[in-house]
Amino acid sequence: MKPTLLLASLGLLAATTVSAFDIYDALCLVNKARSALGLKYLKYDPKLSNAAYAHSQDQASMKKMTHDGRDGSSPGERMKAAGFSWTACAENVAYGYPSDAACMVAWMKSAGHRENILNSKYEAFGYGVASSSAGIPCLTQDFGSDGSGASNVACPGGSLSATIGDYTEKSPAPSPSPAPL
């Protein structure tokens, strides 16, 4: 099977604290969107989350939303460096959203992000959020397949504290081009 990599990004400028974000809420939101279409649940993968968090930190320090690492690395290279041997992978990045749910609404309104979230090839999910020096959250979702299979649990961290419906009307449609942080 030929490895595949898909990328998407969007931004909204707003300062918030990183503590407003939760990996399990983010995964639960993704899995609820997937299950609505009869897709398998993604499982949490700490290697993908390490890659996602490191990239969010990198973007925050560069004050720039990008899929390229400071060292020129691609998302797939960062996932492999974190120990995730993928056969397919994708990355979504965003900045400035006040919560997991608000960002998820924006990602679902964007064709490229939605495609990554709902792609039936993926089995695993990683997520990372870091703040820029101005307090702007930088978010990264990493998706991948490594042949280990999907999850049978939608919300592995427990109950979901926010739903997409809470932000549907409040969240703007994403901007098609990234802006500097």
Protein backbone atom coordinates (compact mmCIF):
# COMPACT_ATOMS: atom_id res chain seq x y z
CA MET A 1 0.00 0.00 0.00
CA LYS A 2 1.36 3.43 -0.94
CA PRO A 3 1.62 5.81 2.06
CA THR A 4 -0.67 8.84 1.82
CA LEU A 5 -0.54 12.20 3.58
CA LEU A 6 -3.27 14.87 3.65
CA LEU A 7 -2.92 18.39 5.09
CA ALA A 8 -5.33 21.18 6.06
CA SER A 9 -5.12 24.39 8.12
CA LEU A 10 -7.27 27.32 9.32
CA GLY A 11 -7.14 30.20 11.78
CA LEU A 12 -9.14 32.53 14.00
CA LEU A 13 -7.35 35.00 16.28
CA ALA A 14 -8.34 34.80 19.97
CA ALA A 15 -6.36 34.51 23.19
CA THR A 16 -7.34 31.71 25.56
CA THR A 17 -5.66 29.30 27.96
CA VAL A 18 -4.41 25.88 26.94
CA SER A 19 -6.24 24.39 29.94
CA ALA A 20 -9.50 24.97 28.02
CA PHE A 21 -8.52 22.05 25.76
CA ASP A 22 -8.70 18.32 26.45
CA ILE A 23 -7.39 15.42 24.34
CA TYR A 24 -10.30 13.16 25.26
CA ASP A 25 -12.95 15.79 24.49
CA ALA A 26 -11.24 16.39 21.14
CA LEU A 27 -11.18 12.66 20.36
CA CYS A 28 -14.79 12.25 21.46
CA LEU A 29 -15.88 15.09 19.14
CA VAL A 30 -14.03 13.47 16.24
CA ASN A 31 -15.53 10.07 17.01
CA LYS A 32 -19.06 11.46 17.31
CA ALA A 33 -18.70 13.04 13.86
CA ARG A 34 -17.36 9.76 12.46
CA SER A 35 -20.04 7.59 14.08
CA ALA A 36 -22.79 9.79 12.60
CA LEU A 37 -21.61 8.49 9.22
CA GLY A 38 -21.13 4.90 10.35
CA LEU A 39 -17.32 5.17 10.46
CA LYS A 40 -15.13 3.33 12.96
CA TYR A 41 -13.96 5.18 16.06
CA LEU A 42 -10.38 6.39 16.15
CA LYS A 43 -8.26 5.36 19.12
CA TYR A 44 -6.04 7.70 21.11
CA ASP A 45 -2.37 7.26 20.23
CA PRO A 46 0.26 8.84 22.52
CA LYS A 47 2.89 8.83 19.75
CA LEU A 48 0.61 10.85 17.47
CA SER A 49 -0.21 13.18 20.38
CA ASN A 50 3.50 13.69 21.05
CA ALA A 51 4.01 14.62 17.39
CA ALA A 52 0.95 16.92 17.42
CA TYR A 53 1.97 18.66 20.65
CA ALA A 54 5.56 19.17 19.50
CA HIS A 55 4.28 20.70 16.26
CA SER A 56 1.86 22.98 18.13
CA GLN A 57 4.78 24.14 20.30
CA ASP A 58 6.85 24.70 17.16
CA GLN A 59 4.11 26.79 15.54
CA ALA A 60 3.61 28.79 18.73
CA SER A 61 7.31 29.60 18.98
CA MET A 62 7.49 30.51 15.26
CA LYS A 63 4.27 32.56 15.58
CA LYS A 64 3.20 30.96 12.32
CA MET A 65 0.57 28.40 11.35
CA THR A 66 2.15 25.86 9.04
CA HIS A 67 2.42 22.16 8.28
CA ASP A 68 6.20 22.51 7.97
CA GLY A 69 8.28 22.15 11.12
CA ARG A 70 10.96 24.68 12.01
CA ASP A 71 13.46 22.09 10.78
CA GLY A 72 11.58 21.63 7.48
CA SER A 73 9.95 18.38 8.61
CA SER A 74 6.63 17.26 7.16
CA PRO A 75 3.75 15.92 9.28
CA GLY A 76 4.55 12.37 8.19
CA GLU A 77 8.21 12.78 9.12
CA ARG A 78 7.27 14.12 12.57
CA MET A 79 4.86 11.22 13.16
CA LYS A 80 7.54 8.69 12.19
CA ALA A 81 10.11 10.48 14.40
CA ALA A 82 7.64 10.16 17.30
CA GLY A 83 7.58 6.40 16.70
CA PHE A 84 4.32 6.04 14.74
CA SER A 85 4.94 3.88 11.65
CA TRP A 86 2.09 4.97 9.42
CA THR A 87 0.70 3.65 6.16
CA ALA A 88 -1.59 6.69 5.85
CA CYS A 89 -1.59 9.95 7.80
CA ALA A 90 -3.03 13.45 7.83
CA GLU A 91 -2.77 16.62 9.86
CA ASN A 92 -5.13 19.48 10.68
CA VAL A 93 -3.79 22.69 12.20
CA ALA A 94 -5.60 25.77 13.49
CA TYR A 95 -5.04 28.68 15.85
CA GLY A 96 -7.05 31.09 17.93
CA TYR A 97 -10.10 28.98 18.75
CA PRO A 98 -11.33 29.14 22.37
CA SER A 99 -12.11 25.44 22.80
CA ASP A 100 -11.97 21.99 21.25
CA ALA A 101 -15.63 22.22 20.23
CA ALA A 102 -15.31 25.64 18.59
CA CYS A 103 -12.33 24.48 16.56
CA MET A 104 -14.05 21.22 15.63
CA VAL A 105 -17.02 23.15 14.23
CA ALA A 106 -14.67 25.21 12.07
CA TRP A 107 -12.77 22.11 10.93
CA MET A 108 -16.05 20.41 9.99
CA LYS A 109 -17.06 23.47 7.92
CA SER A 110 -13.84 23.17 5.89
CA ALA A 111 -13.76 20.51 3.16
CA GLY A 112 -10.09 19.59 3.66
CA HIS A 113 -10.30 19.33 7.45
CA ARG A 114 -13.58 17.44 7.28
CA GLU A 115 -12.02 14.99 4.82
CA ASN A 116 -9.20 14.27 7.26
CA ILE A 117 -11.57 13.83 10.22
CA LEU A 118 -13.94 11.54 8.32
CA ASN A 119 -11.42 9.52 6.32
CA SER A 120 -12.15 5.82 6.80
CA LYS A 121 -8.45 4.94 6.33
CA TYR A 122 -7.46 6.30 9.73
CA GLU A 123 -7.40 4.24 12.93
CA ALA A 124 -5.56 6.50 15.37
CA PHE A 125 -5.70 10.08 16.63
CA GLY A 126 -3.29 12.46 18.31
CA TYR A 127 -3.87 16.02 19.50
CA GLY A 128 -1.73 18.81 20.85
CA VAL A 129 -2.33 22.42 21.89
CA ALA A 130 0.29 25.04 22.81
CA SER A 131 0.03 28.80 23.34
CA SER A 132 2.03 31.45 21.53
CA SER A 133 3.72 34.18 23.60
CA ALA A 134 0.58 36.28 22.96
CA GLY A 135 -1.61 33.54 24.47
CA ILE A 136 -3.00 32.35 21.12
CA PRO A 137 -3.68 28.59 21.14
CA CYS A 138 -2.11 26.59 18.32
CA LEU A 139 -3.93 23.29 17.71
CA THR A 140 -2.76 20.20 15.82
CA GLN A 141 -4.74 17.05 15.07
CA ASP A 142 -2.75 14.08 13.72
CA PHE A 143 -4.47 11.09 12.12
CA GLY A 144 -2.87 7.83 11.12
CA SER A 145 -3.08 4.17 10.30
CA ASP A 146 -0.47 1.65 11.33
CA GLY A 147 -2.41 -1.58 10.88
CA SER A 148 -3.21 -2.01 14.59
CA GLY A 149 -6.94 -1.45 14.15
CA ALA A 150 -9.49 1.10 15.29
CA SER A 151 -11.18 1.56 18.68
CA ASN A 152 -14.52 0.31 19.93
CA VAL A 153 -14.85 3.20 22.42
CA ALA A 154 -16.04 6.64 21.27
CA CYS A 155 -15.00 8.63 24.34
CA PRO A 156 -12.15 6.82 26.15
CA GLY A 157 -11.60 9.60 28.69
CA GLY A 158 -15.15 9.52 30.01
CA SER A 159 -17.98 11.89 29.30
CA LEU A 160 -17.80 14.78 26.88
CA SER A 161 -17.95 18.21 28.54
CA ALA A 162 -18.85 20.07 25.32
CA THR A 163 -20.69 19.15 22.16
CA ILE A 164 -20.36 20.47 18.65
CA GLY A 165 -23.93 21.77 18.88
CA ASP A 166 -22.84 24.21 21.60
CA TYR A 167 -20.77 26.11 19.03
CA THR A 168 -22.52 25.55 15.70
CA GLU A 169 -24.01 29.02 15.48
CA LYS A 170 -21.21 30.81 17.35
CA SER A 171 -18.23 29.69 15.29
CA PRO A 172 -17.31 31.48 12.07
CA ALA A 173 -16.53 29.61 8.89
CA PRO A 174 -12.78 29.06 8.59
CA SER A 175 -10.58 31.36 6.60
CA PRO A 176 -9.03 29.55 3.62
CA SER A 177 -5.55 30.96 4.11
CA PRO A 178 -3.39 30.91 7.25
CA ALA A 179 -2.31 34.15 8.86
CA PRO A 180 0.73 34.79 11.05
CA LEU A 181 0.37 34.33 14.79
